[in-house]
Amino acid sequence: MTHLPLYEVDVPITNTAGLRGVHVFTGHADSRSAAVRIAHEVYQAAHAAQ
């Protein structure tokens, strides 16, 4: 089994009430660019599910 590095991607967020913060996505990825791509995909899926 191959062990991939664990990455953390901080994504700035603002809710409908105007509150701001950072949502943190963590997970295994084979590169930094893959970690950012995966974080974007998860964010887009969550936004579409609203």
PDB file of N, CA and C in Angstrom:
ATOM      1  N   MET A   1       0.840  -1.177   0.000  1.00  0.00           N
ATOM      2  CA  MET A   1       0.000   0.000   0.000  1.00  0.00           C
ATOM      3  C   MET A   1       0.888   1.245   0.000  1.00  0.00           C
ATOM      4  N   THR A   2       0.607   2.185  -0.890  1.00  0.00           N
ATOM      5  CA  THR A   2       1.367   3.421  -0.971  1.00  0.00           C
ATOM      6  C   THR A   2       0.790   4.448  -0.008  1.00  0.00           C
ATOM      7  N   HIS A   3       1.656   5.085   0.756  1.00  0.00           N
ATOM      8  CA  HIS A   3       1.216   6.121   1.685  1.00  0.00           C
ATOM      9  C   HIS A   3       1.444   7.482   1.038  1.00  0.00           C
ATOM     10  N   LEU A   4       0.376   8.236   0.861  1.00  0.00           N
ATOM     11  CA  LEU A   4       0.462   9.563   0.283  1.00  0.00           C
ATOM     12  C   LEU A   4       0.603  10.600   1.384  1.00  0.00           C
ATOM     13  N   PRO A   5       1.260  11.727   1.074  1.00  0.00           N
ATOM     14  CA  PRO A   5       1.370  12.795   2.074  1.00  0.00           C
ATOM     15  C   PRO A   5      -0.004  13.358   2.424  1.00  0.00           C
ATOM     16  N   LEU A   6      -0.143  13.834   3.628  1.00  0.00           N
ATOM     17  CA  LEU A   6      -1.380  14.459   4.084  1.00  0.00           C
ATOM     18  C   LEU A   6      -1.241  15.962   3.888  1.00  0.00           C
ATOM     19  N   TYR A   7      -2.194  16.559   3.164  1.00  0.00           N
ATOM     20  CA  TYR A   7      -2.174  17.991   2.897  1.00  0.00           C
ATOM     21  C   TYR A   7      -3.333  18.673   3.586  1.00  0.00           C
ATOM     22  N   GLU A   8      -3.167  19.967   3.840  1.00  0.00           N
ATOM     23  CA  GLU A   8      -4.212  20.801   4.412  1.00  0.00           C
ATOM     24  C   GLU A   8      -4.347  22.018   3.503  1.00  0.00           C
ATOM     25  N   VAL A   9      -5.567  22.290   3.040  1.00  0.00           N
ATOM     26  CA  VAL A   9      -5.829  23.440   2.176  1.00  0.00           C
ATOM     27  C   VAL A   9      -6.825  24.332   2.902  1.00  0.00           C
ATOM     28  N   ASP A  10      -6.430  25.577   3.181  1.00  0.00           N
ATOM     29  CA  ASP A  10      -7.299  26.544   3.848  1.00  0.00           C
ATOM     30  C   ASP A  10      -8.050  27.342   2.785  1.00  0.00           C
ATOM     31  N   VAL A  11      -9.375  27.348   2.886  1.00  0.00           N
ATOM     32  CA  VAL A  11     -10.214  28.031   1.906  1.00  0.00           C
ATOM     33  C   VAL A  11     -11.013  29.117   2.614  1.00  0.00           C
ATOM     34  N   PRO A  12     -10.810  30.400   2.246  1.00  0.00           N
ATOM     35  CA  PRO A  12     -11.591  31.472   2.865  1.00  0.00           C
ATOM     36  C   PRO A  12     -13.067  31.332   2.498  1.00  0.00           C
ATOM     37  N   ILE A  13     -13.958  31.556   3.477  1.00  0.00           N
ATOM     38  CA  ILE A  13     -15.393  31.430   3.223  1.00  0.00           C
ATOM     39  C   ILE A  13     -16.129  32.620   3.828  1.00  0.00           C
ATOM     40  N   THR A  14     -17.292  32.922   3.245  1.00  0.00           N
ATOM     41  CA  THR A  14     -18.208  33.929   3.772  1.00  0.00           C
ATOM     42  C   THR A  14     -19.605  33.341   3.680  1.00  0.00           C
ATOM     43  N   ASN A  15     -20.368  33.398   4.762  1.00  0.00           N
ATOM     44  CA  ASN A  15     -21.726  32.848   4.703  1.00  0.00           C
ATOM     45  C   ASN A  15     -22.711  33.952   4.340  1.00  0.00           C
ATOM     46  N   THR A  16     -23.977  33.598   4.220  1.00  0.00           N
ATOM     47  CA  THR A  16     -25.000  34.553   3.783  1.00  0.00           C
ATOM     48  C   THR A  16     -25.229  35.671   4.793  1.00  0.00           C
ATOM     49  N   ALA A  17     -24.820  35.478   6.050  1.00  0.00           N
ATOM     50  CA  ALA A  17     -24.956  36.517   7.067  1.00  0.00           C
ATOM     51  C   ALA A  17     -23.747  37.460   7.076  1.00  0.00           C
ATOM     52  N   GLY A  18     -22.779  37.210   6.182  1.00  0.00           N
ATOM     53  CA  GLY A  18     -21.605  38.057   6.097  1.00  0.00           C
ATOM     54  C   GLY A  18     -20.465  37.659   7.011  1.00  0.00           C
ATOM     55  N   LEU A  19     -20.625  36.548   7.731  1.00  0.00           N
ATOM     56  CA  LEU A  19     -19.544  36.073   8.601  1.00  0.00           C
ATOM     57  C   LEU A  19     -18.443  35.465   7.740  1.00  0.00           C
ATOM     58  N   ARG A  20     -17.215  35.716   8.124  1.00  0.00           N
ATOM     59  CA  ARG A  20     -16.079  35.213   7.352  1.00  0.00           C
ATOM     60  C   ARG A  20     -15.249  34.266   8.190  1.00  0.00           C
ATOM     61  N   GLY A  21     -14.570  33.376   7.533  1.00  0.00           N
ATOM     62  CA  GLY A  21     -13.712  32.439   8.226  1.00  0.00           C
ATOM     63  C   GLY A  21     -12.908  31.636   7.229  1.00  0.00           C
ATOM     64  N   VAL A  22     -12.393  30.530   7.684  1.00  0.00           N
ATOM     65  CA  VAL A  22     -11.602  29.640   6.836  1.00  0.00           C
ATOM     66  C   VAL A  22     -12.102  28.232   7.041  1.00  0.00           C
ATOM     67  N   HIS A  23     -12.381  27.553   5.949  1.00  0.00           N
ATOM     68  CA  HIS A  23     -12.723  26.137   6.026  1.00  0.00           C
ATOM     69  C   HIS A  23     -11.471  25.374   5.654  1.00  0.00           C
ATOM     70  N   VAL A  24     -11.159  24.366   6.413  1.00  0.00           N
ATOM     71  CA  VAL A  24      -9.934  23.609   6.189  1.00  0.00           C
ATOM     72  C   VAL A  24     -10.273  22.239   5.614  1.00  0.00           C
ATOM     73  N   PHE A  25      -9.725  21.960   4.444  1.00  0.00           N
ATOM     74  CA  PHE A  25      -9.853  20.637   3.832  1.00  0.00           C
ATOM     75  C   PHE A  25      -8.553  19.895   4.099  1.00  0.00           C
ATOM     76  N   THR A  26      -8.657  18.673   4.586  1.00  0.00           N
ATOM     77  CA  THR A  26      -7.463  17.855   4.785  1.00  0.00           C
ATOM     78  C   THR A  26      -7.662  16.530   4.079  1.00  0.00           C
ATOM     79  N   GLY A  27      -6.581  15.971   3.617  1.00  0.00           N
ATOM     80  CA  GLY A  27      -6.669  14.674   2.972  1.00  0.00           C
ATOM     81  C   GLY A  27      -5.343  14.291   2.346  1.00  0.00           C
ATOM     82  N   HIS A  28      -5.315  13.101   1.834  1.00  0.00           N
ATOM     83  CA  HIS A  28      -4.115  12.587   1.191  1.00  0.00           C
ATOM     84  C   HIS A  28      -4.137  12.967  -0.282  1.00  0.00           C
ATOM     85  N   ALA A  29      -2.994  13.355  -0.785  1.00  0.00           N
ATOM     86  CA  ALA A  29      -2.854  13.688  -2.198  1.00  0.00           C
ATOM     87  C   ALA A  29      -1.422  13.409  -2.616  1.00  0.00           C
ATOM     88  N   ASP A  30      -1.233  13.188  -3.911  1.00  0.00           N
ATOM     89  CA  ASP A  30       0.116  12.867  -4.379  1.00  0.00           C
ATOM     90  C   ASP A  30       0.962  14.103  -4.669  1.00  0.00           C
ATOM     91  N   SER A  31       0.344  15.307  -4.609  1.00  0.00           N
ATOM     92  CA  SER A  31       1.090  16.547  -4.800  1.00  0.00           C
ATOM     93  C   SER A  31       0.292  17.718  -4.244  1.00  0.00           C
ATOM     94  N   ARG A  32       0.950  18.862  -4.108  1.00  0.00           N
ATOM     95  CA  ARG A  32       0.245  20.051  -3.636  1.00  0.00           C
ATOM     96  C   ARG A  32      -0.834  20.474  -4.617  1.00  0.00           C
ATOM     97  N   SER A  33      -0.522  20.414  -5.907  1.00  0.00           N
ATOM     98  CA  SER A  33      -1.522  20.820  -6.905  1.00  0.00           C
ATOM     99  C   SER A  33      -2.720  19.882  -6.881  1.00  0.00           C
ATOM    100  N   ALA A  34      -2.502  18.612  -6.637  1.00  0.00           N
ATOM    101  CA  ALA A  34      -3.618  17.666  -6.527  1.00  0.00           C
ATOM    102  C   ALA A  34      -4.450  17.975  -5.291  1.00  0.00           C
ATOM    103  N   ALA A  35      -3.806  18.364  -4.196  1.00  0.00           N
ATOM    104  CA  ALA A  35      -4.541  18.705  -2.974  1.00  0.00           C
ATOM    105  C   ALA A  35      -5.438  19.912  -3.206  1.00  0.00           C
ATOM    106  N   VAL A  36      -4.927  20.934  -3.890  1.00  0.00           N
ATOM    107  CA  VAL A  36      -5.734  22.123  -4.182  1.00  0.00           C
ATOM    108  C   VAL A  36      -6.875  21.763  -5.123  1.00  0.00           C
ATOM    109  N   ARG A  37      -6.603  20.943  -6.135  1.00  0.00           N
ATOM    110  CA  ARG A  37      -7.647  20.525  -7.084  1.00  0.00           C
ATOM    111  C   ARG A  37      -8.753  19.771  -6.355  1.00  0.00           C
ATOM    112  N   ILE A  38      -8.393  18.870  -5.464  1.00  0.00           N
ATOM    113  CA  ILE A  38      -9.380  18.089  -4.716  1.00  0.00           C
ATOM    114  C   ILE A  38     -10.202  19.011  -3.816  1.00  0.00           C
ATOM    115  N   ALA A  39      -9.542  19.974  -3.162  1.00  0.00           N
ATOM    116  CA  ALA A  39     -10.264  20.916  -2.312  1.00  0.00           C
ATOM    117  C   ALA A  39     -11.278  21.710  -3.124  1.00  0.00           C
ATOM    118  N   HIS A  40     -10.890  22.142  -4.321  1.00  0.00           N
ATOM    119  CA  HIS A  40     -11.821  22.874  -5.194  1.00  0.00           C
ATOM    120  C   HIS A  40     -13.005  21.992  -5.586  1.00  0.00           C
ATOM    121  N   GLU A  41     -12.722  20.744  -5.909  1.00  0.00           N
ATOM    122  CA  GLU A  41     -13.805  19.822  -6.297  1.00  0.00           C
ATOM    123  C   GLU A  41     -14.787  19.620  -5.145  1.00  0.00           C
ATOM    124  N   VAL A  42     -14.277  19.457  -3.924  1.00  0.00           N
ATOM    125  CA  VAL A  42     -15.139  19.267  -2.756  1.00  0.00           C
ATOM    126  C   VAL A  42     -15.962  20.526  -2.502  1.00  0.00           C
ATOM    127  N   TYR A  43     -15.325  21.691  -2.602  1.00  0.00           N
ATOM    128  CA  TYR A  43     -16.043  22.955  -2.397  1.00  0.00           C
ATOM    129  C   TYR A  43     -17.154  23.100  -3.435  1.00  0.00           C
ATOM    130  N   GLN A  44     -16.848  22.852  -4.702  1.00  0.00           N
ATOM    131  CA  GLN A  44     -17.850  22.983  -5.757  1.00  0.00           C
ATOM    132  C   GLN A  44     -19.009  22.011  -5.561  1.00  0.00           C
ATOM    133  N   ALA A  45     -18.723  20.791  -5.129  1.00  0.00           N
ATOM    134  CA  ALA A  45     -19.778  19.813  -4.875  1.00  0.00           C
ATOM    135  C   ALA A  45     -20.661  20.260  -3.710  1.00  0.00           C
ATOM    136  N   ALA A  46     -20.055  20.796  -2.656  1.00  0.00           N
ATOM    137  CA  ALA A  46     -20.823  21.282  -1.516  1.00  0.00           C
ATOM    138  C   ALA A  46     -21.676  22.487  -1.906  1.00  0.00           C
ATOM    139  N   HIS A  47     -21.119  23.384  -2.702  1.00  0.00           N
ATOM    140  CA  HIS A  47     -21.860  24.560  -3.150  1.00  0.00           C
ATOM    141  C   HIS A  47     -23.033  24.150  -4.036  1.00  0.00           C
ATOM    142  N   ALA A  48     -22.843  23.182  -4.903  1.00  0.00           N
ATOM    143  CA  ALA A  48     -23.905  22.706  -5.792  1.00  0.00           C
ATOM    144  C   ALA A  48     -25.012  22.000  -5.009  1.00  0.00           C
ATOM    145  N   ALA A  49     -24.660  21.397  -3.874  1.00  0.00           N
ATOM    146  CA  ALA A  49     -25.645  20.651  -3.076  1.00  0.00           C
ATOM    147  C   ALA A  49     -26.522  21.557  -2.224  1.00  0.00           C
ATOM    148  N   GLN A  50     -26.185  22.844  -2.114  1.00  0.00           N
ATOM    149  CA  GLN A  50     -26.958  23.752  -1.278  1.00  0.00           C
ATOM    150  C   GLN A  50     -28.354  23.932  -1.796  1.00  0.00           C
TER     151      GLN A  50
END
